[in-house]
Amino acid sequence: MTELSLRHIKKSYGHVEVLKGIDHQVPDGTFFTLLGPSGCGKTTLLRVIAGFVTPSVGSVHFGSEDVTGVPPHRREIGMVFQDYALFPDKSVFDNVAYGLRARRVPKEEIRRSVNEYLERVGLEGFGERLPTALSGGQRQRVALARALVVGPRVLLMDEPLSNLDAALRVQMRDVIRSLQLETKTTTIFVTHDQEEALAMSDTIAVMKDGRIDQCGAPDDVYRNPKTAYVSKFVGSANLLQAKPVERCNDGICRFEVEGSNFAGRIMSEANDGRYLVVARPENLGIRKAAAAPGECELSGVVISTQFQGYRTSYRVKLKSGSEVNVETFGEMDGSPLTRGDEVIVSFQDKCIFVPEASQ
């Protein structure tokens, strides 16, 4: 196992600064995910860790060793690419054995190790097949076995599931996570898919414009976003403008939202004093309007419904003209809501508030 340390990593191409000062430590054996949209710098950062890209400023450390100037083939990394990068003219066995042969490992040990990892990824008996005779999920398993069989200090994975269909993605993320827990390999996983990140990771770093916007455990990043960007990118969120009214000593502040009184925590300070309330659809309540809304409640009209089996989604237009999504689970008390119904949307008693603009 290896602790990974990124120290003030910057990378520029001409006048374009792609990475803008990344400082972070990834503990031994952690499954660490870089999450963000295209162009945020996550793949560039992965390539810096791998040694394919040299940082303009900063250093990369594996444990106590500074590997910034060490070429990729000497960093003892395992790499799983988006397109698998298998040798089409080599058998499954020879693909997995490639790194071991390059390290001049004895033949008998190669045979034992390759067969062990083919069994681990569920491909026992597939050693003589060519990659063209395999499905996409099977080729990804071969790539994973090839990366792990060499016992890498750090495993790097660049959007490895993006070419698979939905069912295979779910299957493969379970395979990857199980093997990572079994081998306890420090793993850096790059994806733009927030569901993958939430399901697989010990830690998620949400990237934006070459920086880490927020980093933490999946449930913490989801439940306690510190910025509007993280609120929208990790899961779905309703964001409404909020005007600060009162600061309290207990850490709970009061806001005015669409004419109603709200209370909650400020996740990070807004330099310009402008805030948004963050409300996940599943945390909102909804009922037919029988009286005026109270605190932390807003009135509106249902403009669409979607029944999805175990849950029902409602799109509600508030009196201000803003729209929110509400999700309910199971059966509602009383008659079902339909399009055109006047409703009350209730927010949590203690909401969270984030800056409206990027700080």
Protein backbone atom coordinates (compact mmCIF):
# COMPACT_ATOMS: atom_id res chain seq x y z
CA MET A 1 0.00 0.00 0.00
CA THR A 2 1.11 3.55 -0.72
CA GLU A 3 0.10 6.99 0.48
CA LEU A 4 -0.19 9.45 -2.41
CA SER A 5 0.70 13.08 -1.81
CA LEU A 6 -0.02 15.87 -4.30
CA ARG A 7 1.84 19.05 -3.40
CA HIS A 8 0.78 22.34 -5.00
CA ILE A 9 0.27 20.80 -8.44
CA LYS A 10 -0.11 23.31 -11.27
CA LYS A 11 -0.12 22.65 -14.99
CA SER A 12 -0.25 25.17 -17.80
CA TYR A 13 -0.31 24.83 -21.57
CA GLY A 14 0.86 28.19 -22.85
CA HIS A 15 -1.36 30.80 -21.19
CA VAL A 16 -4.02 28.25 -20.25
CA GLU A 17 -3.78 27.07 -16.63
CA VAL A 18 -5.39 23.62 -16.47
CA LEU A 19 -4.50 22.75 -12.86
CA LYS A 20 -4.43 25.64 -10.40
CA GLY A 21 -2.78 24.39 -7.24
CA ILE A 22 -3.84 20.92 -6.07
CA ASP A 23 -2.78 20.01 -2.54
CA HIS A 24 -4.08 16.73 -1.23
CA GLN A 25 -3.05 13.50 0.47
CA VAL A 26 -4.65 10.15 -0.33
CA PRO A 27 -4.12 7.66 2.53
CA ASP A 28 -2.94 4.08 1.99
CA GLY A 29 -5.59 1.80 0.51
CA THR A 30 -8.11 4.57 -0.24
CA PHE A 31 -10.49 4.48 -3.20
CA PHE A 32 -10.23 8.15 -4.21
CA THR A 33 -12.43 9.53 -6.99
CA LEU A 34 -11.84 12.66 -9.06
CA LEU A 35 -15.34 13.74 -10.10
CA GLY A 36 -16.19 16.53 -12.50
CA PRO A 37 -17.35 17.52 -15.98
CA SER A 38 -15.22 17.48 -19.11
CA GLY A 39 -12.51 20.14 -19.02
CA CYS A 40 -12.30 20.45 -15.22
CA GLY A 41 -8.74 19.02 -15.08
CA LYS A 42 -9.39 15.57 -13.59
CA THR A 43 -7.78 13.55 -16.41
CA THR A 44 -4.80 15.93 -16.54
CA LEU A 45 -4.30 15.41 -12.81
CA LEU A 46 -4.47 11.63 -13.27
CA ARG A 47 -1.86 11.84 -16.03
CA VAL A 48 0.37 13.91 -13.74
CA ILE A 49 0.13 11.15 -11.11
CA ALA A 50 0.92 8.54 -13.77
CA GLY A 51 3.92 10.48 -15.08
CA PHE A 52 2.55 11.02 -18.59
CA VAL A 53 2.36 14.79 -17.88
CA THR A 54 4.98 16.80 -15.98
CA PRO A 55 3.52 19.47 -13.67
CA SER A 56 4.56 23.06 -14.29
CA VAL A 57 4.76 23.54 -10.52
CA GLY A 58 4.58 21.09 -7.61
CA SER A 59 5.48 17.49 -6.89
CA VAL A 60 3.99 13.99 -6.65
CA HIS A 61 5.01 11.66 -3.82
CA PHE A 62 4.39 7.94 -3.39
CA GLY A 63 4.94 7.48 0.33
CA SER A 64 8.16 9.30 1.16
CA GLU A 65 9.47 9.08 -2.42
CA ASP A 66 9.27 12.07 -4.76
CA VAL A 67 8.35 10.49 -8.11
CA THR A 68 7.82 13.74 -10.05
CA GLY A 69 10.82 13.05 -12.29
CA VAL A 70 10.36 9.28 -12.44
CA PRO A 71 9.08 7.97 -15.83
CA PRO A 72 5.73 6.12 -15.88
CA HIS A 73 7.20 2.64 -16.38
CA ARG A 74 9.27 3.01 -13.20
CA ARG A 75 6.51 4.36 -10.94
CA GLU A 76 5.03 0.92 -10.24
CA ILE A 77 1.54 2.00 -11.21
CA GLY A 78 -1.33 0.04 -12.72
CA MET A 79 -3.40 1.80 -15.37
CA VAL A 80 -6.89 0.99 -16.64
CA PHE A 81 -7.89 3.07 -19.67
CA GLN A 82 -11.31 4.03 -21.00
CA ASP A 83 -10.73 2.04 -24.20
CA TYR A 84 -9.12 -0.95 -22.36
CA ALA A 85 -5.89 -0.68 -24.49
CA LEU A 86 -5.54 -4.47 -24.87
CA PHE A 87 -3.22 -6.01 -27.46
CA PRO A 88 -5.64 -7.38 -30.08
CA ASP A 89 -3.19 -10.02 -31.35
CA LYS A 90 -2.36 -11.40 -27.91
CA SER A 91 -4.43 -13.86 -25.90
CA VAL A 92 -6.11 -12.92 -22.64
CA PHE A 93 -3.32 -14.74 -20.79
CA ASP A 94 -0.58 -12.87 -22.67
CA ASN A 95 -2.30 -9.51 -22.15
CA VAL A 96 -2.44 -10.05 -18.39
CA ALA A 97 1.10 -11.43 -18.33
CA TYR A 98 2.60 -8.49 -20.24
CA GLY A 99 3.68 -6.42 -17.24
CA LEU A 100 5.11 -9.41 -15.41
CA ARG A 101 7.19 -10.42 -18.43
CA ALA A 102 8.48 -6.87 -18.76
CA ARG A 103 9.65 -7.19 -15.14
CA ARG A 104 11.40 -10.51 -15.97
CA VAL A 105 9.28 -12.48 -13.50
CA PRO A 106 9.95 -16.28 -13.69
CA LYS A 107 7.60 -18.21 -15.99
CA GLU A 108 6.08 -20.38 -13.28
CA GLU A 109 5.26 -17.32 -11.14
CA ILE A 110 3.73 -15.61 -14.18
CA ARG A 111 1.52 -18.61 -14.84
CA ARG A 112 0.39 -18.78 -11.23
CA SER A 113 -0.24 -15.02 -10.87
CA VAL A 114 -2.09 -14.63 -14.18
CA ASN A 115 -4.37 -17.59 -13.49
CA GLU A 116 -5.03 -16.26 -9.98
CA TYR A 117 -6.12 -12.85 -11.26
CA LEU A 118 -8.18 -14.27 -14.11
CA GLU A 119 -10.04 -16.25 -11.48
CA ARG A 120 -10.42 -13.13 -9.30
CA VAL A 121 -12.07 -11.20 -12.14
CA GLY A 122 -14.29 -14.12 -13.12
CA LEU A 123 -12.44 -15.11 -16.31
CA GLU A 124 -11.10 -18.50 -15.33
CA GLY A 125 -10.75 -20.59 -18.50
CA PHE A 126 -10.63 -17.55 -20.82
CA GLY A 127 -6.83 -17.41 -21.07
CA GLU A 128 -6.53 -18.61 -24.66
CA ARG A 129 -9.18 -16.31 -26.12
CA LEU A 130 -8.38 -13.14 -28.07
CA PRO A 131 -9.87 -9.80 -26.94
CA THR A 132 -12.06 -9.70 -30.07
CA ALA A 133 -13.88 -12.81 -28.78
CA LEU A 134 -14.85 -11.06 -25.53
CA SER A 135 -17.68 -8.74 -24.54
CA GLY A 136 -17.00 -5.19 -23.39
CA GLY A 137 -17.35 -6.18 -19.74
CA GLN A 138 -14.98 -9.11 -20.19
CA ARG A 139 -12.37 -6.92 -21.90
CA GLN A 140 -12.60 -4.49 -18.99
CA ARG A 141 -12.01 -7.36 -16.57
CA VAL A 142 -8.88 -8.34 -18.54
CA ALA A 143 -7.62 -4.75 -18.32
CA LEU A 144 -8.28 -4.74 -14.57
CA ALA A 145 -6.45 -8.06 -14.07
CA ARG A 146 -3.49 -6.77 -16.12
CA ALA A 147 -3.27 -3.64 -13.97
CA LEU A 148 -3.48 -5.47 -10.63
CA VAL A 149 -1.37 -8.55 -11.34
CA VAL A 150 1.87 -6.54 -11.09
CA GLY A 151 1.04 -5.44 -7.54
CA PRO A 152 1.01 -1.69 -8.27
CA ARG A 153 1.75 0.89 -5.62
CA VAL A 154 -1.11 2.99 -7.04
CA LEU A 155 -3.93 1.94 -9.38
CA LEU A 156 -5.13 4.62 -11.82
CA MET A 157 -8.45 4.33 -13.66
CA ASP A 158 -9.52 6.81 -16.35
CA GLU A 159 -13.32 6.59 -16.85
CA PRO A 160 -13.10 2.80 -17.24
CA LEU A 161 -16.86 2.21 -17.29
CA SER A 162 -17.98 4.87 -19.77
CA ASN A 163 -18.05 2.50 -22.78
CA LEU A 164 -20.27 -0.09 -21.06
CA ASP A 165 -24.07 -0.28 -21.03
CA ALA A 166 -25.96 0.56 -17.84
CA ALA A 167 -26.28 -3.01 -16.52
CA LEU A 168 -22.59 -3.80 -17.15
CA ARG A 169 -21.52 -0.55 -15.48
CA VAL A 170 -23.28 -1.57 -12.27
CA GLN A 171 -21.77 -5.06 -12.46
CA MET A 172 -18.25 -3.82 -13.15
CA ARG A 173 -18.26 -1.18 -10.44
CA ASP A 174 -19.01 -3.97 -7.93
CA VAL A 175 -16.14 -6.05 -9.36
CA ILE A 176 -13.70 -3.12 -9.23
CA ARG A 177 -14.65 -2.11 -5.70
CA SER A 178 -14.50 -5.69 -4.39
CA LEU A 179 -11.03 -6.23 -5.86
CA GLN A 180 -9.80 -2.90 -4.53
CA LEU A 181 -10.97 -3.78 -1.02
CA GLU A 182 -9.41 -7.23 -1.33
CA THR A 183 -6.02 -5.99 -2.55
CA LYS A 184 -6.09 -2.75 -0.50
CA THR A 185 -4.54 -0.90 -3.44
CA THR A 186 -4.53 2.89 -3.31
CA THR A 187 -6.78 3.76 -6.24
CA ILE A 188 -7.41 6.99 -8.15
CA PHE A 189 -10.61 6.77 -10.17
CA VAL A 190 -11.66 9.42 -12.70
CA THR A 191 -15.31 9.81 -13.70
CA HIS A 192 -17.95 12.36 -14.64
CA ASP A 193 -20.69 10.00 -13.38
CA GLN A 194 -21.81 11.03 -9.89
CA GLU A 195 -23.63 7.73 -9.30
CA GLU A 196 -20.38 5.80 -9.85
CA ALA A 197 -18.54 8.16 -7.52
CA LEU A 198 -21.12 7.89 -4.74
CA ALA A 199 -21.38 4.10 -4.99
CA MET A 200 -17.69 3.19 -5.15
CA SER A 201 -15.58 5.75 -3.32
CA ASP A 202 -14.08 6.20 0.12
CA THR A 203 -13.42 9.84 -0.77
CA ILE A 204 -14.70 12.08 -3.56
CA ALA A 205 -12.93 15.20 -4.82
CA VAL A 206 -15.33 17.33 -6.85
CA MET A 207 -13.28 19.31 -9.36
CA LYS A 208 -14.09 22.60 -11.05
CA ASP A 209 -11.87 24.73 -13.30
CA GLY A 210 -8.61 23.07 -12.28
CA ARG A 211 -9.29 23.07 -8.54
CA ILE A 212 -10.88 20.79 -5.97
CA ASP A 213 -14.15 22.51 -5.03
CA GLN A 214 -14.98 20.09 -2.21
CA CYS A 215 -13.52 16.84 -0.92
CA GLY A 216 -14.96 14.32 1.52
CA ALA A 217 -16.78 11.07 2.09
CA PRO A 218 -19.61 10.45 -0.42
CA ASP A 219 -22.43 10.94 2.09
CA ASP A 220 -20.87 14.14 3.44
CA VAL A 221 -20.37 15.67 -0.02
CA TYR A 222 -23.97 14.78 -0.92
CA ARG A 223 -25.63 15.88 2.32
CA ASN A 224 -23.42 18.87 3.11
CA PRO A 225 -22.44 20.60 -0.15
CA LYS A 226 -20.51 23.79 0.45
CA THR A 227 -21.14 25.45 -2.91
CA ALA A 228 -23.96 25.75 -5.44
CA TYR A 229 -21.74 23.94 -7.96
CA VAL A 230 -21.34 20.87 -5.75
CA SER A 231 -25.04 20.95 -4.88
CA LYS A 232 -25.99 20.70 -8.55
CA PHE A 233 -23.25 18.36 -9.74
CA VAL A 234 -23.52 15.73 -7.01
CA GLY A 235 -27.13 14.58 -7.13
CA SER A 236 -29.97 16.91 -8.02
CA ALA A 237 -30.92 19.96 -6.01
CA ASN A 238 -33.48 22.72 -5.93
CA LEU A 239 -31.77 26.08 -5.48
CA LEU A 240 -33.78 29.18 -4.49
CA GLN A 241 -32.53 32.65 -3.66
CA ALA A 242 -32.34 33.33 0.08
CA LYS A 243 -32.03 36.68 1.87
CA PRO A 244 -30.26 36.64 5.27
CA VAL A 245 -32.51 38.02 8.04
CA GLU A 246 -30.94 37.07 11.38
CA ARG A 247 -27.73 35.50 12.66
CA CYS A 248 -28.13 33.34 15.75
CA ASN A 249 -25.61 32.14 18.33
CA ASP A 250 -26.50 28.46 17.94
CA GLY A 251 -25.12 28.37 14.38
CA ILE A 252 -28.58 28.39 12.84
CA CYS A 253 -29.38 31.47 10.75
CA ARG A 254 -32.72 32.77 9.54
CA PHE A 255 -33.46 33.64 5.92
CA GLU A 256 -36.33 34.86 3.81
CA VAL A 257 -37.05 32.54 0.87
CA GLU A 258 -39.86 33.44 -1.54
CA GLY A 259 -41.63 35.38 1.22
CA SER A 260 -41.41 32.61 3.83
CA ASN A 261 -39.18 32.29 6.92
CA PHE A 262 -36.50 29.59 6.71
CA ALA A 263 -33.84 28.52 9.19
CA GLY A 264 -30.65 26.57 8.63
CA ARG A 265 -26.87 26.32 8.45
CA ILE A 266 -24.60 28.42 6.25
CA MET A 267 -22.18 25.95 4.62
CA SER A 268 -19.72 28.62 3.46
CA GLU A 269 -19.75 32.38 3.65
CA ALA A 270 -20.83 34.49 0.67
CA ASN A 271 -18.53 37.45 0.13
CA ASP A 272 -21.36 39.41 -1.49
CA GLY A 273 -24.03 38.36 1.01
CA ARG A 274 -26.05 36.48 -1.62
CA TYR A 275 -27.16 32.95 -0.76
CA LEU A 276 -29.16 30.03 -2.10
CA VAL A 277 -31.12 27.48 -0.12
CA VAL A 278 -30.28 23.90 -1.16
CA ALA A 279 -33.10 21.34 -1.12
CA ARG A 280 -32.80 17.79 -2.41
CA PRO A 281 -36.05 16.57 -4.04
CA GLU A 282 -36.29 13.60 -1.68
CA ASN A 283 -36.05 15.88 1.38
CA LEU A 284 -39.12 17.93 0.47
CA GLY A 285 -42.66 17.22 1.59
CA ILE A 286 -45.77 17.88 -0.48
CA ARG A 287 -49.48 17.97 0.34
CA LYS A 288 -52.68 19.47 -1.01
CA ALA A 289 -53.17 23.06 0.04
CA ALA A 290 -55.76 23.33 2.82
CA ALA A 291 -54.36 26.40 4.58
CA ALA A 292 -51.73 29.09 4.14
CA PRO A 293 -48.11 27.88 4.18
CA GLY A 294 -46.20 28.10 7.45
CA GLU A 295 -42.50 28.51 8.17
CA CYS A 296 -40.21 26.59 5.78
CA GLU A 297 -43.19 26.08 3.46
CA LEU A 298 -44.09 27.47 0.03
CA SER A 299 -47.29 27.21 -1.98
CA GLY A 300 -47.50 26.25 -5.64
CA VAL A 301 -49.22 24.25 -8.35
CA VAL A 302 -48.32 20.78 -9.66
CA ILE A 303 -47.39 21.13 -13.33
CA SER A 304 -46.28 17.52 -13.98
CA THR A 305 -46.08 14.12 -12.31
CA GLN A 306 -44.03 11.02 -13.07
CA PHE A 307 -44.87 7.68 -11.47
CA GLN A 308 -41.70 5.56 -11.29
CA GLY A 309 -42.82 2.56 -9.26
CA TYR A 310 -41.23 2.99 -5.86
CA ARG A 311 -41.23 6.77 -6.14
CA THR A 312 -43.25 9.58 -7.67
CA SER A 313 -41.71 12.81 -8.95
CA TYR A 314 -43.61 16.10 -8.97
CA ARG A 315 -42.71 19.31 -10.74
CA VAL A 316 -44.19 22.25 -8.83
CA LYS A 317 -44.43 25.86 -9.96
CA LEU A 318 -44.23 28.17 -6.97
CA LYS A 319 -46.19 31.43 -6.72
CA SER A 320 -43.01 33.36 -7.54
CA GLY A 321 -42.67 31.48 -10.83
CA SER A 322 -39.73 29.37 -9.66
CA GLU A 323 -40.00 25.61 -10.13
CA VAL A 324 -38.94 22.79 -7.80
CA ASN A 325 -38.80 19.00 -8.03
CA VAL A 326 -40.27 16.90 -5.21
CA GLU A 327 -39.89 13.14 -4.82
CA THR A 328 -42.08 10.95 -2.63
CA PHE A 329 -41.62 7.26 -1.84
CA GLY A 330 -44.38 4.74 -1.33
CA GLU A 331 -48.04 5.74 -1.15
CA MET A 332 -49.13 9.20 -0.05
CA ASP A 333 -51.79 9.77 2.58
CA GLY A 334 -55.07 10.80 0.98
CA SER A 335 -55.86 10.98 -2.73
CA PRO A 336 -52.97 11.12 -5.23
CA LEU A 337 -51.80 14.49 -6.49
CA THR A 338 -52.43 15.35 -10.12
CA ARG A 339 -51.49 18.09 -12.55
CA GLY A 340 -53.16 21.40 -11.60
CA ASP A 341 -53.49 20.64 -7.87
CA GLU A 342 -52.66 23.48 -5.51
CA VAL A 343 -50.08 22.22 -3.01
CA ILE A 344 -47.84 23.17 -0.11
CA VAL A 345 -44.17 22.22 -0.42
CA SER A 346 -42.47 21.85 2.94
CA PHE A 347 -38.72 22.17 3.36
CA GLN A 348 -36.57 20.76 6.15
CA ASP A 349 -36.81 22.53 9.50
CA LYS A 350 -33.07 23.12 9.25
CA CYS A 351 -32.04 23.82 5.66
CA ILE A 352 -28.56 24.46 4.30
CA PHE A 353 -27.46 27.63 2.54
CA VAL A 354 -24.59 28.16 0.11
CA PRO A 355 -23.15 31.21 -1.68
CA GLU A 356 -25.02 32.09 -4.88
CA ALA A 357 -21.85 32.93 -6.80
CA SER A 358 -18.47 31.15 -6.94
CA GLN A 359 -16.11 32.58 -4.36
